[in-house]
Every structure is written in C-alpha cells, then in structure tokens.
N, C-alpha and C. Protein backbone atom coordinates (compact mmCIF):
# COMPACT_ATOMS: atom_id res chain seq x y z
N MET A 1 -43.54 -23.53 6.52
CA MET A 1 -42.84 -23.25 7.76
C MET A 1 -41.33 -23.21 7.56
N ARG A 2 -40.81 -24.14 6.81
CA ARG A 2 -39.36 -24.19 6.61
C ARG A 2 -38.86 -22.98 5.83
N LEU A 3 -39.61 -22.54 4.83
CA LEU A 3 -39.18 -21.40 4.03
C LEU A 3 -39.10 -20.13 4.85
N LYS A 4 -40.02 -19.99 5.79
CA LYS A 4 -39.99 -18.80 6.64
C LYS A 4 -38.74 -18.77 7.51
N LYS A 5 -38.24 -19.91 7.87
CA LYS A 5 -37.01 -19.96 8.67
C LYS A 5 -35.77 -19.68 7.82
N LEU A 6 -35.84 -19.99 6.54
CA LEU A 6 -34.68 -19.80 5.67
C LEU A 6 -34.49 -18.36 5.23
N VAL A 7 -35.55 -17.58 5.19
CA VAL A 7 -35.45 -16.19 4.71
C VAL A 7 -34.49 -15.37 5.56
N PRO A 8 -34.58 -15.39 6.89
CA PRO A 8 -33.60 -14.61 7.68
C PRO A 8 -32.17 -15.11 7.49
N LEU A 9 -31.99 -16.41 7.32
CA LEU A 9 -30.65 -16.94 7.09
C LEU A 9 -30.08 -16.44 5.76
N LYS A 10 -30.94 -16.35 4.77
CA LYS A 10 -30.51 -15.86 3.47
C LYS A 10 -30.09 -14.39 3.57
N LYS A 11 -30.85 -13.61 4.33
CA LYS A 11 -30.51 -12.19 4.51
C LYS A 11 -29.19 -12.05 5.26
N LYS A 12 -29.00 -12.88 6.27
CA LYS A 12 -27.74 -12.84 7.02
C LYS A 12 -26.56 -13.23 6.13
N ALA A 13 -26.78 -14.22 5.28
CA ALA A 13 -25.71 -14.65 4.39
C ALA A 13 -25.35 -13.55 3.40
N ARG A 14 -26.36 -12.86 2.89
CA ARG A 14 -26.08 -11.74 1.98
C ARG A 14 -25.34 -10.62 2.69
N ALA A 15 -25.75 -10.32 3.90
CA ALA A 15 -25.07 -9.27 4.66
C ALA A 15 -23.62 -9.66 4.94
N ALA A 16 -23.40 -10.92 5.27
CA ALA A 16 -22.03 -11.38 5.53
C ALA A 16 -21.19 -11.32 4.26
N ALA A 17 -21.77 -11.70 3.14
CA ALA A 17 -21.03 -11.64 1.87
C ALA A 17 -20.68 -10.20 1.50
N LYS A 18 -21.61 -9.29 1.74
CA LYS A 18 -21.35 -7.87 1.44
C LYS A 18 -20.24 -7.33 2.34
N THR A 19 -20.27 -7.72 3.60
CA THR A 19 -19.23 -7.29 4.53
C THR A 19 -17.86 -7.81 4.10
N MET A 20 -17.79 -9.06 3.71
CA MET A 20 -16.52 -9.63 3.26
C MET A 20 -16.02 -8.95 1.99
N ALA A 21 -16.93 -8.60 1.10
CA ALA A 21 -16.54 -7.89 -0.13
C ALA A 21 -16.00 -6.51 0.21
N ASP A 22 -16.60 -5.85 1.20
CA ASP A 22 -16.10 -4.53 1.62
C ASP A 22 -14.69 -4.64 2.19
N TYR A 23 -14.46 -5.69 3.00
CA TYR A 23 -13.12 -5.88 3.55
C TYR A 23 -12.11 -6.15 2.44
N ASP A 24 -12.50 -6.92 1.45
CA ASP A 24 -11.61 -7.24 0.34
C ASP A 24 -11.24 -5.98 -0.42
N SER A 25 -12.21 -5.12 -0.68
CA SER A 25 -11.90 -3.88 -1.41
C SER A 25 -11.03 -2.96 -0.56
N ARG A 26 -11.24 -2.99 0.75
CA ARG A 26 -10.41 -2.16 1.64
C ARG A 26 -8.97 -2.65 1.62
N PHE A 27 -8.77 -3.97 1.65
CA PHE A 27 -7.41 -4.52 1.60
C PHE A 27 -6.75 -4.23 0.26
N ASN A 28 -7.51 -4.27 -0.82
CA ASN A 28 -6.95 -3.95 -2.13
C ASN A 28 -6.48 -2.51 -2.17
N LYS A 29 -7.24 -1.60 -1.56
CA LYS A 29 -6.84 -0.19 -1.52
C LYS A 29 -5.55 -0.02 -0.71
N ILE A 30 -5.45 -0.74 0.40
CA ILE A 30 -4.25 -0.67 1.22
C ILE A 30 -3.04 -1.19 0.44
N ASP A 31 -3.22 -2.27 -0.30
CA ASP A 31 -2.13 -2.81 -1.13
C ASP A 31 -1.69 -1.81 -2.18
N GLN A 32 -2.63 -1.10 -2.79
CA GLN A 32 -2.28 -0.09 -3.80
C GLN A 32 -1.53 1.06 -3.16
N ASP A 33 -1.98 1.49 -1.98
CA ASP A 33 -1.29 2.58 -1.29
C ASP A 33 0.13 2.19 -0.90
N LEU A 34 0.31 0.95 -0.45
CA LEU A 34 1.66 0.49 -0.08
C LEU A 34 2.57 0.40 -1.30
N ALA A 35 2.03 0.00 -2.43
CA ALA A 35 2.84 -0.06 -3.65
C ALA A 35 3.28 1.34 -4.06
N LEU A 36 2.38 2.32 -3.91
CA LEU A 36 2.73 3.70 -4.24
C LEU A 36 3.82 4.22 -3.30
N LEU A 37 3.70 3.93 -2.02
CA LEU A 37 4.72 4.36 -1.06
C LEU A 37 6.07 3.71 -1.35
N LYS A 38 6.04 2.45 -1.73
CA LYS A 38 7.29 1.76 -2.06
C LYS A 38 7.98 2.41 -3.26
N ALA A 39 7.19 2.80 -4.25
CA ALA A 39 7.76 3.47 -5.42
C ALA A 39 8.36 4.82 -5.04
N GLU A 40 7.66 5.55 -4.18
CA GLU A 40 8.17 6.86 -3.75
C GLU A 40 9.45 6.71 -2.94
N ILE A 41 9.52 5.70 -2.10
CA ILE A 41 10.72 5.48 -1.30
C ILE A 41 11.90 5.13 -2.20
N THR A 42 11.64 4.36 -3.25
CA THR A 42 12.72 4.02 -4.19
C THR A 42 13.27 5.28 -4.84
N VAL A 43 12.40 6.18 -5.25
CA VAL A 43 12.85 7.44 -5.86
C VAL A 43 13.65 8.26 -4.85
N LEU A 44 13.19 8.30 -3.61
CA LEU A 44 13.92 9.06 -2.59
C LEU A 44 15.29 8.46 -2.31
N LYS A 45 15.41 7.15 -2.36
CA LYS A 45 16.71 6.51 -2.17
C LYS A 45 17.68 6.91 -3.29
N TRP A 46 17.20 6.93 -4.52
CA TRP A 46 18.07 7.34 -5.63
C TRP A 46 18.49 8.80 -5.48
N MET A 47 17.54 9.65 -5.09
CA MET A 47 17.88 11.07 -4.90
C MET A 47 18.93 11.24 -3.82
N LEU A 48 18.77 10.52 -2.72
CA LEU A 48 19.74 10.60 -1.63
C LEU A 48 21.11 10.07 -2.08
N GLY A 49 21.11 9.03 -2.88
CA GLY A 49 22.37 8.49 -3.39
C GLY A 49 23.11 9.50 -4.24
N PHE A 50 22.37 10.19 -5.12
CA PHE A 50 23.02 11.20 -5.95
C PHE A 50 23.54 12.37 -5.12
N LEU A 51 22.78 12.77 -4.09
CA LEU A 51 23.24 13.85 -3.22
C LEU A 51 24.52 13.46 -2.47
N VAL A 52 24.55 12.27 -1.94
CA VAL A 52 25.73 11.81 -1.20
C VAL A 52 26.93 11.71 -2.14
N ALA A 53 26.71 11.19 -3.34
CA ALA A 53 27.81 11.10 -4.30
C ALA A 53 28.33 12.48 -4.67
N GLY A 54 27.44 13.44 -4.84
CA GLY A 54 27.87 14.81 -5.14
C GLY A 54 28.64 15.43 -4.00
N MET A 55 28.17 15.23 -2.79
CA MET A 55 28.88 15.80 -1.64
C MET A 55 30.25 15.15 -1.46
N VAL A 56 30.33 13.85 -1.67
CA VAL A 56 31.63 13.18 -1.54
C VAL A 56 32.58 13.68 -2.61
N SER A 57 32.08 13.88 -3.83
CA SER A 57 32.97 14.37 -4.88
C SER A 57 33.44 15.79 -4.59
N LEU A 58 32.56 16.64 -4.03
CA LEU A 58 32.98 18.01 -3.67
C LEU A 58 33.99 17.99 -2.53
N LEU A 59 33.78 17.14 -1.53
CA LEU A 59 34.74 17.04 -0.44
C LEU A 59 36.07 16.51 -0.92
N PHE A 60 36.02 15.52 -1.80
CA PHE A 60 37.25 14.97 -2.36
C PHE A 60 38.00 16.01 -3.15
N LYS A 61 37.26 16.81 -3.91
CA LYS A 61 37.89 17.86 -4.72
C LYS A 61 38.48 18.95 -3.82
N ALA A 62 37.78 19.30 -2.73
CA ALA A 62 38.24 20.37 -1.86
C ALA A 62 39.51 19.97 -1.11
N PHE A 63 39.62 18.71 -0.70
CA PHE A 63 40.76 18.31 0.11
C PHE A 63 41.93 17.78 -0.70
N THR A 64 41.74 17.57 -2.00
CA THR A 64 42.86 17.08 -2.81
C THR A 64 43.49 18.22 -3.63
N ALA A 65 42.82 19.33 -3.72
CA ALA A 65 43.35 20.43 -4.54
C ALA A 65 44.34 21.28 -3.79
C-alpha cells in the first residue's frame, strides 16, 4: 500500500526536477546572450569614440587653418 502512494510522488519529483533543469538551461542561454550583447556594445563604443575623435580633429583643422 505504501509503495503505491510513493510512485506518483516520485513521478512528480522527476517532473519538477526536469522543469527546474529546463529553467536553468534557459537562464544560462540568457546569460550567454547578454554577454554577447555586452561585447558588441563595447565594440560600438570604441567605434563611436574613433568617429568623434576624427570629427573633432577635422573641425579643429578646419577652424585653425
């Protein structure tokens, strides 16, 4: 009698563990995507910095000559 009561609990526990593992993998994917976005933003910041420096140097050259 006791074993029959434990079987559904065991199935529920397995289902809960599988669900938690799915959430964990989903969060890991989100973390990877955020790291990729952070790297891309860093590259864009450097590109913008070089553009601004170039424009400032051209403006400086145009108004000092």
